[in-house]
Protein backbone atom coordinates (compact mmCIF):
# COMPACT_ATOMS: atom_id res chain seq x y z
CA MET A 1 -11.85 -24.81 -18.89
CA LYS A 2 -10.85 -23.20 -15.60
CA LEU A 3 -10.02 -19.50 -15.59
CA VAL A 4 -7.83 -17.79 -12.96
CA TRP A 5 -8.53 -14.07 -12.62
CA PHE A 6 -5.43 -12.21 -11.42
CA ARG A 7 -5.86 -8.87 -9.67
CA ASN A 8 -3.57 -7.58 -6.87
CA ASP A 9 -1.99 -11.05 -6.60
CA LEU A 10 0.46 -11.04 -9.50
CA ARG A 11 2.48 -14.09 -8.54
CA LEU A 12 2.74 -17.82 -9.12
CA ALA A 13 3.89 -18.85 -5.63
CA ASP A 14 1.47 -18.79 -2.70
CA ASN A 15 -1.46 -17.92 -4.91
CA PRO A 16 -4.44 -19.91 -3.56
CA ALA A 17 -6.68 -19.25 -6.55
CA LEU A 18 -4.02 -20.39 -9.02
CA ARG A 19 -3.05 -23.37 -6.88
CA HIS A 20 -6.64 -24.66 -6.58
CA ALA A 21 -7.34 -24.15 -10.27
CA CYS A 22 -4.26 -26.21 -11.15
CA ALA A 23 -4.95 -28.94 -8.58
CA GLY A 24 -7.06 -31.12 -10.87
CA ASP A 25 -7.11 -32.14 -14.50
CA GLY A 26 -8.33 -30.08 -17.40
CA PRO A 27 -7.09 -26.96 -19.14
CA VAL A 28 -6.35 -23.79 -17.17
CA ALA A 29 -6.17 -20.24 -18.51
CA ALA A 30 -5.54 -16.93 -16.76
CA LEU A 31 -6.90 -13.41 -17.04
CA PHE A 32 -5.89 -9.87 -16.14
CA ILE A 33 -8.27 -6.95 -16.72
CA ILE A 34 -6.82 -3.53 -17.51
CA SER A 35 -9.16 -0.70 -16.46
CA PRO A 36 -7.49 2.67 -17.12
CA THR A 37 -10.58 4.82 -16.48
CA GLN A 38 -11.33 3.05 -13.21
CA TRP A 39 -7.69 3.32 -12.14
CA ARG A 40 -7.79 7.07 -12.71
CA GLN A 41 -11.00 7.34 -10.71
CA HIS A 42 -9.26 5.51 -7.88
CA LYS A 43 -6.30 7.93 -8.11
CA MET A 44 -3.87 5.14 -9.02
CA ALA A 45 -0.41 6.62 -9.45
CA PRO A 46 1.11 6.37 -12.96
CA ILE A 47 4.24 4.83 -11.44
CA ARG A 48 2.13 2.17 -9.78
CA GLN A 49 0.36 1.43 -13.07
CA ARG A 50 3.72 1.05 -14.82
CA PHE A 51 4.98 -1.23 -12.06
CA MET A 52 1.84 -3.37 -12.12
CA LEU A 53 1.74 -3.70 -15.90
CA ALA A 54 5.45 -4.57 -16.00
CA GLN A 55 4.67 -7.36 -13.54
CA VAL A 56 1.73 -8.49 -15.68
CA ASP A 57 4.18 -8.79 -18.57
CA GLU A 58 6.50 -10.85 -16.39
CA LEU A 59 3.61 -12.99 -15.14
CA GLY A 60 2.39 -13.58 -18.69
CA ARG A 61 5.79 -14.90 -19.73
CA GLU A 62 6.01 -17.16 -16.69
CA LEU A 63 2.51 -18.55 -17.19
CA ALA A 64 3.19 -19.12 -20.88
CA ALA A 65 6.28 -21.16 -19.93
CA LEU A 66 3.95 -23.37 -17.87
CA GLY A 67 1.52 -23.82 -20.74
CA ILE A 68 -1.07 -21.45 -19.23
CA PRO A 69 -2.22 -18.62 -21.52
CA LEU A 70 -2.84 -15.22 -19.94
CA HIS A 71 -5.72 -13.34 -21.53
CA LEU A 72 -5.69 -9.57 -21.31
CA LEU A 73 -8.95 -7.63 -21.42
CA ARG A 74 -9.16 -3.86 -21.57
CA VAL A 75 -12.39 -2.90 -19.78
CA GLU A 76 -12.49 0.77 -18.85
CA THR A 77 -14.62 0.60 -15.67
CA PHE A 78 -15.68 -2.01 -13.13
CA ALA A 79 -19.31 -1.62 -14.22
CA GLU A 80 -18.40 -3.13 -17.60
CA VAL A 81 -16.47 -6.08 -16.20
CA PRO A 82 -19.33 -8.58 -15.61
CA ALA A 83 -20.52 -8.47 -19.23
CA ALA A 84 -16.97 -8.57 -20.62
CA LEU A 85 -16.00 -11.48 -18.39
CA ALA A 86 -19.20 -13.40 -19.19
CA ASN A 87 -18.45 -12.96 -22.89
CA LEU A 88 -14.88 -14.24 -22.48
CA CYS A 89 -16.14 -17.27 -20.58
CA ARG A 90 -18.57 -18.09 -23.41
CA GLU A 91 -15.86 -17.72 -26.04
CA GLN A 92 -13.33 -19.85 -24.16
CA GLY A 93 -15.72 -22.47 -22.80
CA VAL A 94 -14.96 -21.55 -19.20
CA THR A 95 -16.96 -23.48 -16.61
CA GLN A 96 -15.15 -22.38 -13.43
CA LEU A 97 -13.67 -19.05 -12.34
CA TYR A 98 -10.99 -18.87 -9.64
CA ALA A 99 -9.92 -15.64 -7.94
CA ASN A 100 -8.59 -14.28 -4.67
CA GLN A 101 -11.02 -12.07 -2.79
CA ALA A 102 -10.90 -8.29 -2.91
CA ILE A 103 -11.48 -6.22 0.24
CA GLU A 104 -12.31 -2.77 -1.17
CA ILE A 105 -16.01 -1.91 -1.57
CA ASP A 106 -15.96 -1.09 -5.30
CA GLU A 107 -14.04 -4.28 -6.02
CA GLN A 108 -16.39 -6.34 -3.83
CA ARG A 109 -19.42 -4.94 -5.66
CA ARG A 110 -17.76 -5.75 -8.98
CA ASP A 111 -17.09 -9.31 -7.86
CA HIS A 112 -20.67 -9.83 -6.64
CA ALA A 113 -21.90 -8.63 -10.03
CA VAL A 114 -19.49 -11.01 -11.78
CA SER A 115 -20.73 -13.96 -9.70
CA ALA A 116 -24.33 -13.12 -10.61
CA ALA A 117 -23.57 -12.71 -14.32
CA LEU A 118 -21.59 -15.95 -14.53
CA ALA A 119 -24.20 -17.90 -12.57
CA GLU A 120 -26.64 -17.21 -15.41
CA GLN A 121 -24.44 -19.24 -17.75
CA ALA A 122 -23.59 -21.96 -15.21
CA VAL A 123 -20.03 -20.80 -14.52
CA SER A 124 -19.17 -21.44 -10.87
CA CYS A 125 -17.00 -18.94 -8.99
CA HIS A 126 -14.43 -19.93 -6.35
CA TRP A 127 -13.01 -17.22 -4.09
CA PHE A 128 -9.95 -17.51 -1.84
CA ASN A 129 -7.96 -15.48 0.68
CA GLY A 130 -4.83 -14.29 -1.06
CA CYS A 131 -4.19 -10.89 0.55
CA CYS A 132 -3.90 -11.67 4.28
CA VAL A 133 -2.19 -14.24 6.44
CA LEU A 134 -5.48 -14.69 8.29
CA PRO A 135 -8.63 -13.76 6.35
CA PRO A 136 -10.94 -10.97 7.52
CA GLY A 137 -13.46 -12.45 9.92
CA ARG A 138 -11.04 -15.01 11.33
CA VAL A 139 -9.59 -12.82 14.13
CA LEU A 140 -12.47 -12.12 16.52
CA THR A 141 -13.11 -10.83 20.02
CA GLY A 142 -14.46 -13.07 22.78
CA SER A 143 -17.98 -11.98 21.79
CA GLY A 144 -17.39 -12.99 18.18
CA GLU A 145 -16.92 -9.51 16.72
CA MET A 146 -14.09 -8.10 14.63
CA PHE A 147 -11.57 -5.89 16.41
CA LYS A 148 -11.49 -2.10 16.13
CA VAL A 149 -8.39 -1.58 18.30
CA PHE A 150 -4.96 -2.72 17.20
CA THR A 151 -3.26 -4.07 20.35
CA PRO A 152 -5.91 -6.69 21.21
CA PHE A 153 -6.15 -7.51 17.50
CA SER A 154 -2.41 -8.14 17.42
CA ARG A 155 -2.58 -10.49 20.41
CA ALA A 156 -5.54 -12.38 18.97
CA TRP A 157 -3.88 -12.55 15.55
CA LEU A 158 -0.74 -14.12 17.01
CA LYS A 159 -2.81 -16.60 19.01
CA ALA A 160 -4.92 -17.57 15.99
CA LEU A 161 -1.79 -18.06 13.91
CA ASP A 162 -0.30 -20.32 16.57
CA GLU A 163 -3.50 -22.37 16.72
CA GLU A 164 -4.02 -23.00 13.02
CA GLY A 165 -0.77 -22.07 11.28
CA PHE A 166 -0.76 -21.35 7.56
CA VAL A 167 0.20 -22.98 4.29
CA ILE A 168 2.48 -21.60 1.58
CA HIS A 169 1.14 -22.73 -1.78
CA ARG A 170 3.78 -23.80 -4.26
CA ALA A 171 3.85 -22.42 -7.76
CA PRO A 172 2.15 -24.78 -10.24
CA THR A 173 4.10 -27.22 -12.36
CA PRO A 174 3.96 -27.08 -16.18
CA ARG A 175 0.60 -28.10 -17.63
CA GLY A 176 1.66 -28.41 -21.23
CA GLU A 177 4.05 -27.14 -23.82
CA SER A 178 5.43 -23.65 -23.53
CA LEU A 179 3.31 -20.99 -25.23
CA PRO A 180 4.30 -17.77 -27.00
CA TRP A 181 3.83 -14.45 -25.20
CA GLN A 182 3.29 -11.09 -26.87
CA PRO A 183 4.63 -8.22 -24.71
CA LEU A 184 2.11 -5.61 -23.61
CA ALA A 185 3.88 -2.83 -25.51
CA GLU A 186 3.12 -4.66 -28.77
CA ARG A 187 -0.61 -5.01 -28.13
CA GLU A 188 -2.87 -3.11 -30.50
CA TRP A 189 -5.07 -1.73 -27.69
CA VAL A 190 -2.18 0.06 -25.99
CA ASP A 191 -2.60 3.83 -26.32
CA ALA A 192 -1.85 7.09 -24.53
CA ALA A 193 -4.54 6.39 -21.94
CA LEU A 194 -2.31 3.71 -20.46
CA GLY A 195 0.63 6.12 -20.22
CA GLU A 196 4.26 5.03 -20.24
CA LEU A 197 4.69 1.24 -20.14
CA THR A 198 8.45 1.22 -19.66
CA PRO A 199 9.06 0.16 -16.02
CA ASP A 200 10.98 2.42 -13.67
CA PRO A 201 14.52 0.98 -13.39
CA ARG A 202 14.52 1.71 -9.65
CA TRP A 203 11.69 -0.77 -9.17
CA LEU A 204 12.49 -4.09 -10.80
CA VAL A 205 9.58 -6.49 -11.08
CA GLY A 206 9.39 -10.25 -10.61
CA GLU A 207 8.93 -12.69 -7.77
CA ALA A 208 12.68 -13.35 -7.72
CA GLU A 209 13.34 -9.65 -7.12
CA ALA A 210 10.78 -9.55 -4.30
CA ARG A 211 12.35 -12.61 -2.67
CA ARG A 212 15.81 -11.09 -3.06
CA ARG A 213 14.73 -7.91 -1.30
CA LEU A 214 13.08 -9.91 1.46
CA ASN A 215 16.10 -12.15 1.99
CA ASP A 216 18.54 -9.23 1.95
CA PHE A 217 16.46 -7.44 4.57
CA LEU A 218 16.20 -10.51 6.79
CA GLU A 219 19.93 -11.15 6.56
CA GLN A 220 21.12 -7.58 6.95
CA ALA A 221 18.57 -5.45 8.77
CA VAL A 222 15.72 -7.27 10.51
CA LEU A 223 17.55 -7.73 13.82
CA ASP A 224 18.22 -3.98 14.03
CA TYR A 225 14.90 -2.96 12.54
CA GLY A 226 13.47 -1.65 15.81
CA GLU A 227 16.41 0.76 16.18
CA THR A 228 16.91 1.81 12.53
CA ARG A 229 13.46 1.80 10.93
CA ASP A 230 12.70 5.45 11.73
CA PHE A 231 15.81 6.94 10.11
CA PRO A 232 15.20 7.71 6.42
CA ALA A 233 18.91 8.18 5.62
CA ILE A 234 19.57 4.58 6.73
CA ALA A 235 18.62 1.49 4.69
CA GLY A 236 16.81 0.03 7.67
CA THR A 237 13.49 -1.04 6.15
CA SER A 238 12.52 -3.84 3.78
CA VAL A 239 11.09 -1.57 1.02
CA LEU A 240 8.76 -4.45 0.18
CA SER A 241 5.56 -2.42 0.21
CA PRO A 242 5.28 -2.08 -3.61
CA TYR A 243 5.64 -5.84 -3.96
CA LEU A 244 3.04 -6.53 -1.27
CA ALA A 245 0.63 -3.99 -2.77
CA ALA A 246 0.86 -5.59 -6.23
CA GLY A 247 0.81 -9.09 -4.76
CA ILE A 248 4.20 -10.02 -6.20
CA ILE A 249 4.96 -11.46 -2.79
CA SER A 250 2.44 -12.49 -0.13
CA PRO A 251 2.37 -11.62 3.58
CA ARG A 252 2.42 -15.35 4.31
CA GLN A 253 5.72 -15.66 2.47
CA CYS A 254 7.09 -12.78 4.56
CA VAL A 255 6.05 -14.40 7.85
CA ALA A 256 7.39 -17.78 6.76
CA ALA A 257 10.74 -16.28 5.73
CA LEU A 258 11.01 -14.42 9.04
CA GLN A 259 10.38 -17.64 10.95
CA GLN A 260 12.98 -19.48 8.89
CA ARG A 261 15.53 -16.71 9.46
CA LEU A 262 15.00 -16.58 13.23
CA GLY A 263 14.12 -20.21 13.90
CA TYR A 264 10.96 -19.11 15.71
CA ARG A 265 7.98 -16.79 15.35
CA PRO A 266 8.47 -13.78 17.66
CA GLN A 267 5.65 -13.13 20.10
CA SER A 268 6.63 -9.95 21.94
CA LYS A 269 8.71 -6.79 21.60
CA ALA A 270 11.42 -8.43 23.68
CA GLN A 271 12.18 -10.85 20.84
CA PRO A 272 14.23 -9.85 17.77
CA GLY A 273 12.13 -9.62 14.63
CA PHE A 274 8.89 -8.80 16.41
CA VAL A 275 8.85 -5.10 15.46
CA TRP A 276 8.84 -5.98 11.76
CA LEU A 277 6.26 -8.73 12.26
CA ASN A 278 4.12 -6.18 14.07
CA GLU A 279 4.21 -3.98 10.96
CA LEU A 280 2.81 -6.90 8.96
CA ILE A 281 0.10 -7.27 11.61
CA TRP A 282 -0.75 -3.56 11.24
CA ARG A 283 -1.16 -4.21 7.52
CA GLU A 284 -3.55 -7.06 8.30
CA PHE A 285 -5.46 -4.91 10.82
CA TYR A 286 -6.17 -2.18 8.30
CA ARG A 287 -7.33 -4.73 5.74
CA HIS A 288 -9.66 -6.37 8.23
CA LEU A 289 -11.04 -2.93 9.16
CA LEU A 290 -11.78 -2.16 5.51
CA VAL A 291 -13.99 -5.25 5.37
CA LEU A 292 -15.63 -4.54 8.74
CA ILE A 293 -16.34 -0.87 7.93
CA PRO A 294 -17.01 -0.47 4.18
CA THR A 295 -17.51 3.30 4.60
CA LEU A 296 -13.73 3.58 5.01
CA SER A 297 -13.64 3.00 1.24
CA MET A 298 -16.05 5.92 0.80
CA ASN A 299 -14.03 8.82 2.24
CA ARG A 300 -15.72 8.51 5.63
CA PRO A 301 -13.84 8.72 8.95
CA PHE A 302 -13.45 5.71 11.23
CA LYS A 303 -14.73 7.89 14.09
CA PRO A 304 -18.05 9.24 12.75
CA GLU A 305 -18.08 12.24 15.09
CA THR A 306 -14.91 13.61 13.49
CA ALA A 307 -16.82 14.24 10.25
CA ALA A 308 -17.83 17.53 11.91
CA LEU A 309 -14.25 18.81 12.25
CA PRO A 310 -13.77 22.20 10.55
CA TRP A 311 -11.02 21.13 8.16
CA SER A 312 -9.45 23.60 5.75
CA TRP A 313 -9.43 23.08 1.99
CA ASP A 314 -6.95 25.90 1.27
CA PRO A 315 -5.61 25.16 -2.25
CA ASP A 316 -2.50 27.33 -1.94
CA ALA A 317 -1.41 25.79 1.37
CA PHE A 318 -2.13 22.33 0.00
CA ALA A 319 -0.05 23.02 -3.11
CA ALA A 320 2.88 24.20 -0.97
CA TRP A 321 2.71 20.93 0.99
CA CYS A 322 2.48 18.82 -2.19
CA GLU A 323 5.46 20.54 -3.77
CA GLY A 324 7.69 20.61 -0.66
CA ARG A 325 7.58 24.37 -0.10
CA THR A 326 6.46 24.51 3.54
CA GLY A 327 9.67 25.93 5.02
CA TYR A 328 10.06 22.88 7.27
CA PRO A 329 13.06 20.94 5.86
CA ILE A 330 12.06 17.39 6.85
CA VAL A 331 8.56 17.87 5.43
CA ASP A 332 9.84 19.38 2.20
CA ALA A 333 12.50 16.69 1.76
CA ALA A 334 9.92 13.95 2.25
CA MET A 335 7.47 15.41 -0.25
CA ARG A 336 10.14 16.03 -2.88
CA CYS A 337 11.35 12.45 -2.44
CA LEU A 338 7.80 11.18 -2.96
CA ASN A 339 7.30 13.26 -6.08
CA ALA A 340 10.61 12.11 -7.56
CA THR A 341 10.58 8.41 -6.66
CA GLY A 342 7.01 7.33 -5.94
CA TRP A 343 7.96 6.10 -2.49
CA MET A 344 8.26 7.55 1.00
CA HIS A 345 9.77 6.19 4.21
CA ASN A 346 7.10 5.33 6.79
CA ARG A 347 8.35 7.73 9.48
CA LEU A 348 8.22 10.50 6.90
CA ARG A 349 4.66 9.54 5.95
CA MET A 350 3.64 10.12 9.56
CA ILE A 351 5.51 13.44 9.76
CA VAL A 352 4.04 14.92 6.56
CA ALA A 353 0.54 13.62 7.34
CA SER A 354 0.66 15.18 10.79
CA PHE A 355 1.89 18.44 9.28
CA LEU A 356 -0.91 18.61 6.71
CA THR A 357 -3.67 17.81 9.19
CA LYS A 358 -2.40 19.24 12.48
CA ASP A 359 -0.29 22.21 11.32
CA LEU A 360 -2.18 23.25 8.19
CA HIS A 361 -5.50 21.78 9.40
CA ILE A 362 -6.21 20.55 5.87
CA HIS A 363 -8.59 17.65 5.42
CA TRP A 364 -6.89 14.27 5.50
CA ARG A 365 -8.81 13.19 2.40
CA LEU A 366 -6.71 15.55 0.27
CA GLY A 367 -3.52 14.02 1.61
CA GLU A 368 -4.83 10.49 1.21
CA ASP A 369 -5.74 11.13 -2.43
CA TYR A 370 -2.42 12.83 -3.15
CA PHE A 371 -0.48 9.89 -1.75
CA MET A 372 -2.50 7.46 -3.87
CA SER A 373 -1.80 9.59 -6.95
CA ARG A 374 1.97 9.40 -6.34
CA LEU A 375 2.82 6.19 -4.45
CA ILE A 376 4.12 3.08 -6.17
CA ASP A 377 2.81 1.11 -3.17
CA GLY A 378 -0.60 2.80 -3.08
CA ASP A 379 -2.94 0.50 -1.15
CA LEU A 380 -6.34 1.73 0.01
CA ALA A 381 -6.36 -0.07 3.37
CA ALA A 382 -2.86 0.91 4.45
CA ASN A 383 -3.05 4.43 3.03
CA ASN A 384 -6.44 5.20 4.53
CA GLY A 385 -5.48 3.64 7.85
CA GLY A 386 -2.26 5.64 8.05
CA TRP A 387 -3.88 8.94 7.14
CA GLN A 388 -6.76 8.56 9.57
CA TRP A 389 -4.33 7.54 12.31
CA ALA A 390 -2.28 10.68 11.72
CA ALA A 391 -5.34 12.92 11.42
CA GLY A 392 -6.87 11.69 14.66
CA THR A 393 -10.00 10.34 12.96
CA GLY A 394 -9.06 6.67 12.74
CA ALA A 395 -8.40 3.53 14.73
CA ASP A 396 -5.96 3.89 17.64
CA ALA A 397 -5.84 7.66 17.06
CA ALA A 398 -4.93 9.97 19.96
CA PRO A 399 -5.59 13.53 18.70
CA TYR A 400 -4.83 15.49 21.87
CA PHE A 401 -1.19 14.57 22.13
CA ARG A 402 -0.23 13.14 18.75
CA VAL A 403 0.79 16.36 17.03
CA PHE A 404 4.25 15.85 15.61
CA ASN A 405 6.65 18.77 15.84
CA PRO A 406 8.25 18.74 12.37
CA THR A 407 11.45 20.38 13.59
CA THR A 408 12.12 18.01 16.47
CA GLN A 409 11.09 15.04 14.34
CA GLY A 410 13.75 16.03 11.82
CA GLN A 411 16.35 16.55 14.56
CA ARG A 412 15.58 13.15 16.03
CA PHE A 413 15.35 11.03 12.90
CA ASP A 414 17.69 12.86 10.48
CA PRO A 415 20.11 14.35 13.02
CA GLN A 416 22.87 15.26 10.55
CA GLY A 417 20.42 16.33 7.87
CA GLU A 418 21.65 13.74 5.36
CA PHE A 419 18.19 13.00 4.03
CA ILE A 420 17.22 16.67 3.99
CA ARG A 421 20.28 17.77 2.05
CA THR A 422 19.70 14.99 -0.50
CA TRP A 423 16.26 16.26 -1.45
CA VAL A 424 16.21 19.96 -0.53
CA THR A 425 19.00 21.11 -2.80
CA GLU A 426 18.80 24.70 -1.51
CA LEU A 427 20.15 23.35 1.79
CA ALA A 428 22.84 21.09 0.34
CA ASP A 429 25.66 23.26 1.69
CA ILE A 430 24.16 24.19 5.05
CA PRO A 431 25.99 23.08 8.22
CA ALA A 432 24.34 20.28 10.16
CA ALA A 433 23.82 22.55 13.16
CA TYR A 434 21.42 24.71 11.14
CA VAL A 435 19.82 22.24 8.75
CA HIS A 436 16.59 21.79 10.71
CA GLN A 437 16.09 25.51 11.35
CA PRO A 438 17.98 27.06 8.42
CA HIS A 439 16.35 30.46 8.14
CA ASP A 440 18.67 32.50 10.39
CA TRP A 441 21.74 31.04 8.67
CA LEU A 442 20.29 31.72 5.23
CA ARG A 443 19.44 35.28 6.25
CA LEU A 444 22.99 35.89 7.41
CA LYS A 445 24.22 34.65 4.02
CA GLY A 446 21.80 36.96 2.26
CA ARG A 447 19.95 34.07 0.69
CA GLN A 448 16.23 33.83 -0.01
CA ASP A 449 16.14 30.60 -2.00
CA TYR A 450 14.31 28.55 0.64
CA PRO A 451 10.83 29.55 1.91
CA ALA A 452 10.11 30.76 5.42
CA PRO A 453 7.96 28.46 7.59
CA MET A 454 4.41 28.77 6.34
CA VAL A 455 2.93 28.34 9.84
CA ASP A 456 4.04 28.68 13.44
CA HIS A 457 3.98 25.13 14.77
CA ALA A 458 3.26 26.04 18.39
CA PHE A 459 0.21 28.09 17.39
CA ALA A 460 -0.96 25.48 14.87
CA ARG A 461 -0.71 22.74 17.49
CA VAL A 462 -2.98 24.62 19.88
CA ARG A 463 -5.49 25.20 17.09
CA ALA A 464 -5.48 21.49 16.18
CA ILE A 465 -6.21 20.47 19.76
CA GLU A 466 -8.98 23.05 19.99
CA MET A 467 -10.57 21.58 16.85
CA PHE A 468 -10.90 18.20 18.48
CA ARG A 469 -12.00 19.59 21.83
CA SER A 470 -14.82 21.42 20.07
CA LEU A 471 -16.35 18.02 19.25
CA GLU A 472 -17.00 17.44 22.95
CA LYS A 473 -19.18 20.53 23.34
């Protein structure tokens, strides 16, 4: 018996582990491990858990239609996984385990422990690259080291892709008669610890839904992506991040679809489609960094010297940021959108992260954890990379001049205040001319239903720069 262990790769198509397990003869089964305690320790958002488990339900039905049973194990923490998995392998007569590699340190340690436990009972483990177009360790400098700076990584990534290409693995064909599938909600081990299992109707699951979103984006928005991607009131992005994070669609499928749409693979900013491809390369870069520098998974900064920065841990200021009560409309709108939907536009992620770290001078780790606790697309590599970039502690960070002005950012990227008025209901009736600096208008109307700015940005910016300059002394 061959067993395929699904993790953040909840798909049939372009799943190397599944494809290799199904390549030969013999029975194949599948596994997904539910670890509620571990998920809470990793700050996994409830909406992300619901989305993932809804996809597991979908995957179980699809596998059952192919004659492949999906076993579900509830194992509270990673430390308990090796023994539980070894026991399942004994019960089912498993001789080979197939899985796609994890990149996070806790997951890697779990997998090493699984390999050791299964080796004791002669179960061989086969690991594959299922999360990147090019696996970590493939894109190297001239001296054979992994990159720590994005631009040369991007160039080398494009060159490596041209040299070796990539393969899209087809979904397996049926291996037997269709099997029954019992929905997760009917399982006896489901309890309050798993929370609400009903999926959010705004986030439909399934590989077909992921492909539909990708195709719609490529047909309608990819050519204008460079001009529209920064405007949250415009549907200018793919909104594929939840599907990539859960592995419902692979980055290889995205690159292949882009090539098919354009008829070529863009190589520079001058070519349509490159700006979106570059975002996929950023995703790869952060994942490669997580493998190169395991301490990134341990709340440590990319730049070790920045660990000495005198960050604030002010709970009241942090709560105001979390709840969208800062007095800066674009920041408040973004945070309220996140809290209500589980998703935030990428430009807004940069704005609110800069505000927390450079205006409030609050430690980026608090923001990183809060995002993970709310985001449907929570992904350690991308989330950590984005937060450290904004905070000035990470790769490609430029702390002295990258201090976003929240007012001018709102004026530039939500000029008419459409996004702001959608989410900050107190400002729903304010004229566009005042929406980014509403306080004088509100005062004239005798209104006090929207908070005053909690900090003076000009002063806070100077303080942020001084913090970083102090490291040089």
